[in-house]
Amino acid sequence: MTSKLQRTRNDKMIAGVANGLARYFNIDVTIVRLILVILFLLPHGIGLPIYVILWIVMPEEPALDVPRYDPYTGQPLG
């Protein structure tokens, strides 16, 4: 596994935890979401605390460094 365990910025429903886990383990995000829902529906609702802990612990992936340009002149900003 060469990827880092990080929450995603763009492909997320709530906090990006499920998609981050799916990318890390190289599986479909739907499978991870179903597992989290099943854990949430168990009698003690263990899925919610797990999700919140992962939300707090997992860092968010860094923003892409996209160069910005002046829309009128086309010159780079900053």
Protein backbone atom coordinates (compact mmCIF):
# COMPACT_ATOMS: atom_id res chain seq x y z
CA MET A 1 0.00 0.00 0.00
CA THR A 2 1.63 3.18 -1.16
CA SER A 3 -1.15 5.64 -0.39
CA LYS A 4 -1.54 7.54 2.86
CA LEU A 5 -4.55 7.22 5.12
CA GLN A 6 -6.18 10.62 4.59
CA ARG A 7 -9.69 12.01 4.37
CA THR A 8 -10.57 13.21 0.89
CA ARG A 9 -11.35 16.82 0.09
CA ASN A 10 -13.55 16.47 -2.97
CA ASP A 11 -15.15 13.02 -3.05
CA LYS A 12 -16.97 13.03 0.26
CA MET A 13 -20.49 12.82 1.64
CA ILE A 14 -19.92 13.96 5.23
CA ALA A 15 -16.26 14.12 6.18
CA GLY A 16 -14.44 12.02 3.58
CA VAL A 17 -13.62 9.19 5.98
CA ALA A 18 -15.19 6.39 3.95
CA ASN A 19 -13.57 7.49 0.72
CA GLY A 20 -10.21 7.89 2.44
CA LEU A 21 -10.46 4.35 3.82
CA ALA A 22 -11.52 3.03 0.40
CA ARG A 23 -8.53 4.66 -1.30
CA TYR A 24 -6.14 3.36 1.35
CA PHE A 25 -7.36 -0.24 1.12
CA ASN A 26 -7.95 0.02 -2.66
CA ILE A 27 -11.59 -1.09 -2.50
CA ASP A 28 -14.87 0.45 -3.64
CA VAL A 29 -16.18 3.24 -1.43
CA THR A 30 -19.67 1.69 -1.45
CA ILE A 31 -18.34 -1.35 0.42
CA VAL A 32 -16.78 0.85 3.11
CA ARG A 33 -19.99 2.88 3.46
CA LEU A 34 -22.07 -0.31 3.78
CA ILE A 35 -19.75 -1.62 6.49
CA LEU A 36 -20.05 1.67 8.39
CA VAL A 37 -23.86 1.60 8.09
CA ILE A 38 -23.98 -2.00 9.33
CA LEU A 39 -21.74 -1.06 12.28
CA PHE A 40 -24.01 1.89 13.01
CA LEU A 41 -27.11 -0.32 13.01
CA LEU A 42 -25.67 -2.84 15.46
CA PRO A 43 -27.29 -2.75 18.92
CA HIS A 44 -24.67 -0.51 20.50
CA GLY A 45 -24.23 1.71 17.44
CA ILE A 46 -20.47 1.21 17.39
CA GLY A 47 -20.21 2.67 13.88
CA LEU A 48 -20.87 6.26 14.96
CA PRO A 49 -18.05 6.48 17.52
CA ILE A 50 -15.68 4.76 15.07
CA TYR A 51 -16.60 7.26 12.36
CA VAL A 52 -16.19 10.27 14.68
CA ILE A 53 -12.82 9.00 15.95
CA LEU A 54 -11.60 8.47 12.39
CA TRP A 55 -12.89 11.94 11.45
CA ILE A 56 -10.78 13.45 14.25
CA VAL A 57 -7.67 11.28 13.79
CA MET A 58 -7.39 11.08 9.99
CA PRO A 59 -5.73 14.12 8.44
CA GLU A 60 -7.35 15.76 5.43
CA GLU A 61 -5.47 15.44 2.17
CA PRO A 62 -3.55 18.58 1.23
CA ALA A 63 -5.06 21.04 -1.21
CA LEU A 64 -3.73 21.03 -4.72
CA ASP A 65 -1.39 23.89 -5.44
CA VAL A 66 -3.14 25.31 -8.49
CA PRO A 67 -1.58 28.44 -9.96
CA ARG A 68 -3.96 31.40 -10.06
CA TYR A 69 -4.12 33.86 -12.92
CA ASP A 70 -5.65 37.31 -13.37
CA PRO A 71 -8.76 36.76 -15.53
CA TYR A 72 -8.22 40.01 -17.42
CA THR A 73 -4.48 39.98 -18.15
CA GLY A 74 -3.61 36.28 -17.82
CA GLN A 75 -0.67 37.15 -15.57
CA PRO A 76 0.13 34.83 -12.64
CA LEU A 77 -1.05 36.10 -9.25
CA GLY A 78 1.34 36.09 -6.31
